[in-house]
Amino acid sequence: MLRSLPFIGAVLFLVHGCSLLDQNNHEEPVARVFDHYLYPSDLRNAIPAGTTSRDSTLLAKRYVETWVRDQLMVRRAEEALTEEQKDFKTQIAEYHRDLLIFTFRQKLLQQKLDTVVPESEIRAYYDENQNNFLLDQDVIRGTYIKVPLSAPRMNELRRWSWNNTEEDLDRMEKYCLNYAEKYSNFNDSWVYFSSIREQLPMNISQPSRYLRYNKNIEATDSRYRYFLHVTGHLSAGDVAPLEMISDDITSIVLNKRKIEFIQELEQRVYNDGVNRNQFEIYR
């Protein structure tokens, strides 16, 4: 059976302090499963430095319980499996080989791979693969405002929203800082219309058609008035704007470089093996 929680606490005192038993390597075991023993020194790595006494006790108890369960499962597995089923030499060798190759590749990738993707390369990839970047929903540019019905100067706010000139945007921003529940200016970036539509108290079942004919949208509910001004719109099925997928293209380009780098590395190693007569293939 597991030792009691107070005993674990006493063990932790020995782990964190200087104990004569620990110094002489004559530790009192914390737990036993058959002929396997767990000692206080085994708990050190399981308890991060600086952990409070209370947390240390809980971590130690959890570690001991897990250790006991694992040891019991190991014994049960050893008894239930045949010698052939317990022979993992081939799997271990294959895993070791794969891990060596993976680590070697990663080391060279970190040292040699150019991870800078210039805008010109991103643009070129975008132009050549536009059919791979079609929108699955509508995107818009513009401004969105949500203000209480009690807010003043509503007509002026409406005019600023609809006009959307630089001067109007400046006035609108100052106004919204004082009165708006929410204000978003996304004239310089594209956002999914669905993220704005869900904030409007109205049902828009055909967004592409609706946005084609409505650039200034106003709605009210029992507490707020909403203003949406659309300065740009792309429908589902259109090519996504470059700025929305620039990061995706960067990832694609870098992944392509990695694949090419690894293929070239393996070919260089193979060619070097041929030139140095490092292998033979028997027919």
Protein backbone atom coordinates (compact mmCIF):
# COMPACT_ATOMS: atom_id res chain seq x y z
CA MET A 1 0.00 0.00 0.00
CA LEU A 2 1.05 3.62 -0.54
CA ARG A 3 2.52 5.51 2.37
CA SER A 4 0.34 8.18 3.97
CA LEU A 5 0.39 11.82 2.91
CA PRO A 6 2.21 12.90 6.11
CA PHE A 7 4.95 10.43 5.25
CA ILE A 8 5.26 11.95 1.76
CA GLY A 9 5.60 15.35 3.41
CA ALA A 10 8.40 14.03 5.58
CA VAL A 11 10.08 12.59 2.51
CA LEU A 12 9.93 15.99 0.82
CA PHE A 13 11.68 17.52 3.82
CA LEU A 14 14.53 15.12 3.14
CA VAL A 15 14.44 15.80 -0.59
CA HIS A 16 14.65 19.59 -0.23
CA GLY A 17 16.96 19.61 2.77
CA CYS A 18 20.24 17.93 3.65
CA SER A 19 19.64 14.50 5.10
CA LEU A 20 22.21 12.14 6.54
CA LEU A 21 20.45 9.23 4.92
CA ASP A 22 20.66 10.87 1.50
CA GLN A 23 24.32 11.70 1.94
CA ASN A 24 25.15 8.11 2.83
CA ASN A 25 22.96 6.62 0.10
CA HIS A 26 20.91 4.75 2.71
CA GLU A 27 17.52 6.21 1.88
CA GLU A 28 14.26 4.96 3.29
CA PRO A 29 12.11 3.93 0.28
CA VAL A 30 8.92 5.82 -0.49
CA ALA A 31 7.18 2.92 -2.22
CA ARG A 32 7.72 -0.66 -3.36
CA VAL A 33 6.24 -2.71 -6.17
CA PHE A 34 7.48 -6.31 -6.06
CA ASP A 35 11.28 -5.93 -5.99
CA HIS A 36 11.38 -2.35 -7.33
CA TYR A 37 11.77 0.57 -4.90
CA LEU A 38 11.19 4.29 -5.23
CA TYR A 39 13.43 6.57 -3.16
CA PRO A 40 13.26 10.25 -2.14
CA SER A 41 16.09 11.07 -4.54
CA ASP A 42 13.92 9.78 -7.40
CA LEU A 43 11.38 12.50 -6.60
CA ARG A 44 13.79 15.41 -7.01
CA ASN A 45 13.34 15.80 -10.79
CA ALA A 46 9.56 15.56 -10.41
CA ILE A 47 9.35 18.63 -8.18
CA PRO A 48 10.44 21.96 -9.74
CA ALA A 49 12.65 24.23 -7.67
CA GLY A 50 10.73 26.90 -5.79
CA THR A 51 7.56 24.84 -5.46
CA THR A 52 5.66 25.54 -2.24
CA SER A 53 5.54 22.91 0.48
CA ARG A 54 1.83 22.25 -0.14
CA ASP A 55 2.25 21.87 -3.90
CA SER A 56 5.37 19.74 -3.41
CA THR A 57 3.40 17.33 -1.27
CA LEU A 58 0.67 17.01 -3.89
CA LEU A 59 3.19 16.57 -6.74
CA ALA A 60 5.08 13.93 -4.80
CA LYS A 61 1.90 12.00 -3.97
CA ARG A 62 0.83 12.10 -7.64
CA TYR A 63 4.28 10.98 -8.80
CA VAL A 64 4.36 8.05 -6.37
CA GLU A 65 0.88 6.89 -7.36
CA THR A 66 1.76 7.08 -11.05
CA TRP A 67 5.00 5.18 -10.47
CA VAL A 68 3.18 2.41 -8.64
CA ARG A 69 0.55 2.08 -11.36
CA ASP A 70 3.23 1.96 -14.08
CA GLN A 71 5.25 -0.69 -12.26
CA LEU A 72 2.17 -2.85 -11.78
CA MET A 73 1.26 -2.53 -15.47
CA VAL A 74 4.83 -3.41 -16.50
CA ARG A 75 4.78 -6.55 -14.35
CA ARG A 76 1.37 -7.57 -15.69
CA ALA A 77 2.54 -7.00 -19.28
CA GLU A 78 5.72 -9.04 -18.70
CA GLU A 79 3.63 -11.92 -17.39
CA ALA A 80 1.03 -11.77 -20.17
CA LEU A 81 3.27 -11.32 -23.24
CA THR A 82 5.43 -13.92 -24.93
CA GLU A 83 9.17 -13.44 -25.31
CA GLU A 84 8.64 -12.68 -28.99
CA GLN A 85 6.02 -10.04 -28.18
CA LYS A 86 8.39 -8.43 -25.68
CA ASP A 87 11.27 -8.24 -28.15
CA PHE A 88 11.47 -4.62 -29.32
CA LYS A 89 15.05 -4.62 -30.62
CA THR A 90 13.99 -4.04 -34.23
CA GLN A 91 11.54 -1.24 -33.35
CA ILE A 92 14.07 0.43 -31.07
CA ALA A 93 16.75 0.26 -33.76
CA GLU A 94 14.38 1.72 -36.35
CA TYR A 95 13.30 4.50 -33.99
CA HIS A 96 16.93 5.29 -33.15
CA ARG A 97 17.77 5.45 -36.85
CA ASP A 98 14.80 7.69 -37.67
CA LEU A 99 15.58 9.95 -34.72
CA LEU A 100 19.21 10.34 -35.80
CA ILE A 101 18.19 11.25 -39.36
CA PHE A 102 15.49 13.65 -38.15
CA THR A 103 17.87 15.40 -35.72
CA PHE A 104 20.57 15.67 -38.41
CA ARG A 105 18.09 17.18 -40.88
CA GLN A 106 16.76 19.65 -38.30
CA LYS A 107 20.28 20.76 -37.38
CA LEU A 108 21.17 21.49 -41.01
CA LEU A 109 17.81 23.16 -41.64
CA GLN A 110 18.45 25.52 -38.73
CA GLN A 111 21.96 26.27 -39.95
CA LYS A 112 21.48 26.48 -43.71
CA LEU A 113 17.85 27.14 -44.67
CA ASP A 114 17.02 30.67 -45.76
CA THR A 115 13.83 31.59 -43.91
CA VAL A 116 13.42 35.07 -45.41
CA VAL A 117 10.67 35.17 -48.03
CA PRO A 118 10.69 38.53 -49.87
CA GLU A 119 7.46 40.23 -50.90
CA SER A 120 8.36 39.71 -54.57
CA GLU A 121 8.43 35.92 -54.10
CA ILE A 122 5.14 35.99 -52.19
CA ARG A 123 3.55 38.06 -54.97
CA ALA A 124 4.92 35.78 -57.69
CA TYR A 125 3.55 32.67 -55.96
CA TYR A 126 0.20 34.40 -55.46
CA ASP A 127 -0.05 35.41 -59.13
CA GLU A 128 0.82 31.91 -60.32
CA ASN A 129 -1.54 30.06 -57.99
CA GLN A 130 -4.59 32.27 -57.60
CA ASN A 131 -7.01 29.41 -58.19
CA ASN A 132 -5.72 27.85 -54.97
CA PHE A 133 -6.75 30.91 -52.95
CA LEU A 134 -10.46 31.31 -53.57
CA LEU A 135 -12.57 32.77 -50.78
CA ASP A 136 -15.05 30.46 -49.09
CA GLN A 137 -17.03 33.43 -47.73
CA ASP A 138 -17.46 37.17 -48.27
CA VAL A 139 -14.87 39.64 -46.99
CA ILE A 140 -15.21 43.40 -46.58
CA ARG A 141 -13.40 46.59 -45.73
CA GLY A 142 -14.99 49.52 -43.93
CA THR A 143 -16.10 50.74 -40.51
CA TYR A 144 -18.44 49.34 -37.88
CA ILE A 145 -20.03 51.29 -35.01
CA LYS A 146 -22.34 50.29 -32.17
CA VAL A 147 -23.72 53.15 -30.06
CA PRO A 148 -26.45 53.41 -27.40
CA LEU A 149 -29.74 54.87 -28.60
CA SER A 150 -29.23 57.65 -26.08
CA ALA A 151 -25.98 58.82 -27.72
CA PRO A 152 -26.10 62.44 -29.02
CA ARG A 153 -25.52 63.79 -32.55
CA MET A 154 -26.71 60.62 -34.26
CA ASN A 155 -27.28 62.38 -37.59
CA GLU A 156 -23.70 63.64 -37.63
CA LEU A 157 -22.41 60.17 -36.82
CA ARG A 158 -24.45 58.73 -39.68
CA ARG A 159 -23.03 61.30 -42.10
CA TRP A 160 -19.44 60.66 -40.95
CA SER A 161 -19.94 56.92 -41.34
CA TRP A 162 -21.40 57.19 -44.83
CA ASN A 163 -18.90 59.72 -46.15
CA ASN A 164 -15.85 58.00 -44.61
CA THR A 165 -13.46 60.76 -45.65
CA GLU A 166 -10.23 61.17 -43.71
CA GLU A 167 -11.70 64.16 -41.87
CA ASP A 168 -14.92 62.30 -41.15
CA LEU A 169 -13.01 59.27 -39.87
CA ASP A 170 -11.07 61.48 -37.49
CA ARG A 171 -14.28 63.05 -36.13
CA MET A 172 -15.96 59.66 -35.92
CA GLU A 173 -13.07 58.13 -33.96
CA LYS A 174 -13.10 60.96 -31.41
CA TYR A 175 -16.88 60.64 -31.09
CA CYS A 176 -16.72 56.87 -30.62
CA LEU A 177 -14.10 57.14 -27.90
CA ASN A 178 -16.69 58.99 -25.83
CA TYR A 179 -19.97 57.35 -26.79
CA ALA A 180 -19.60 54.10 -28.74
CA GLU A 181 -19.97 50.65 -27.26
CA LYS A 182 -17.79 49.38 -30.10
CA TYR A 183 -15.91 50.95 -33.00
CA SER A 184 -13.83 49.19 -35.66
CA ASN A 185 -11.99 50.84 -38.53
CA PHE A 186 -10.87 48.14 -40.98
CA ASN A 187 -10.55 50.28 -44.10
CA ASP A 188 -6.96 49.08 -44.51
CA SER A 189 -7.57 45.39 -43.93
CA TRP A 190 -10.02 42.72 -44.99
CA VAL A 191 -12.27 40.94 -42.50
CA TYR A 192 -14.80 38.15 -42.93
CA PHE A 193 -18.25 39.64 -43.21
CA SER A 194 -19.58 36.85 -40.98
CA SER A 195 -17.62 38.32 -38.05
CA ILE A 196 -19.48 41.62 -38.51
CA ARG A 197 -22.85 40.13 -39.49
CA GLU A 198 -23.11 38.26 -36.21
CA GLN A 199 -22.92 41.60 -34.40
CA LEU A 200 -25.87 43.11 -36.33
CA PRO A 201 -29.48 42.67 -35.15
CA MET A 202 -30.68 41.54 -38.57
CA ASN A 203 -30.78 38.43 -40.71
CA ILE A 204 -28.78 38.58 -43.96
CA SER A 205 -29.35 35.27 -45.74
CA GLN A 206 -27.56 36.10 -49.00
CA PRO A 207 -24.53 38.21 -48.04
CA SER A 208 -22.98 38.43 -51.51
CA ARG A 209 -26.16 39.76 -53.06
CA TYR A 210 -26.94 42.02 -50.10
CA LEU A 211 -23.50 43.62 -50.04
CA ARG A 212 -23.58 44.17 -53.77
CA TYR A 213 -26.41 46.69 -53.31
CA ASN A 214 -25.88 47.94 -49.76
CA LYS A 215 -22.79 49.90 -48.80
CA ASN A 216 -24.32 51.79 -45.87
CA ILE A 217 -26.12 49.53 -43.42
CA GLU A 218 -28.00 50.84 -40.39
CA ALA A 219 -29.95 48.81 -37.86
CA THR A 220 -31.40 49.21 -34.36
CA ASP A 221 -32.54 47.03 -31.49
CA SER A 222 -34.00 47.94 -28.12
CA ARG A 223 -30.74 49.45 -26.83
CA TYR A 224 -28.33 50.23 -29.66
CA ARG A 225 -27.98 51.63 -33.15
CA TYR A 226 -25.53 50.01 -35.56
CA PHE A 227 -23.71 51.57 -38.51
CA LEU A 228 -21.73 49.58 -41.06
CA HIS A 229 -20.07 51.31 -43.99
CA VAL A 230 -18.55 49.03 -46.66
CA THR A 231 -15.67 50.47 -48.68
CA GLY A 232 -14.62 47.16 -50.27
CA HIS A 233 -16.26 43.81 -50.88
CA LEU A 234 -15.17 40.47 -52.31
CA SER A 235 -17.62 37.60 -52.64
CA ALA A 236 -17.19 33.92 -51.87
CA GLY A 237 -15.50 32.37 -54.91
CA ASP A 238 -13.39 35.44 -55.66
CA VAL A 239 -9.62 35.29 -55.33
CA ALA A 240 -8.61 36.12 -51.76
CA PRO A 241 -6.70 39.41 -51.40
CA LEU A 242 -2.96 38.91 -51.04
CA GLU A 243 -2.75 40.58 -47.63
CA MET A 244 -5.16 38.01 -46.18
CA ILE A 245 -3.09 35.00 -47.24
CA SER A 246 0.44 36.39 -47.21
CA ASP A 247 1.35 34.39 -44.08
CA ASP A 248 -0.09 31.22 -45.60
CA ILE A 249 1.98 31.69 -48.75
CA THR A 250 5.09 32.30 -46.65
CA SER A 251 4.50 28.98 -44.88
CA ILE A 252 3.96 27.21 -48.21
CA VAL A 253 7.16 28.64 -49.69
CA LEU A 254 9.21 27.73 -46.61
CA ASN A 255 7.81 24.21 -46.55
CA LYS A 256 8.68 23.83 -50.22
CA ARG A 257 12.23 25.01 -49.49
CA LYS A 258 12.52 22.50 -46.65
CA ILE A 259 11.43 19.62 -48.89
CA GLU A 260 13.86 20.66 -51.63
CA PHE A 261 16.67 21.13 -49.09
CA ILE A 262 16.16 17.65 -47.63
CA GLN A 263 15.97 16.06 -51.08
CA GLU A 264 19.20 17.80 -52.13
CA LEU A 265 20.87 16.85 -48.83
CA GLU A 266 20.02 13.17 -49.27
CA GLN A 267 21.22 13.24 -52.86
CA ARG A 268 24.52 14.89 -51.85
CA VAL A 269 25.09 12.30 -49.14
CA TYR A 270 24.31 9.51 -51.62
CA ASN A 271 26.63 10.94 -54.27
CA ASP A 272 29.38 11.33 -51.67
CA GLY A 273 28.91 7.70 -50.70
CA VAL A 274 29.29 6.69 -54.35
CA ASN A 275 32.43 8.79 -54.85
CA ARG A 276 34.03 7.46 -51.65
CA ASN A 277 33.05 3.88 -52.41
CA GLN A 278 31.25 3.70 -49.05
CA PHE A 279 28.63 1.13 -50.06
CA GLU A 280 27.93 -1.73 -52.43
CA ILE A 281 24.64 -3.10 -53.73
CA TYR A 282 24.87 -6.83 -54.38
CA ARG A 283 22.78 -8.19 -57.19
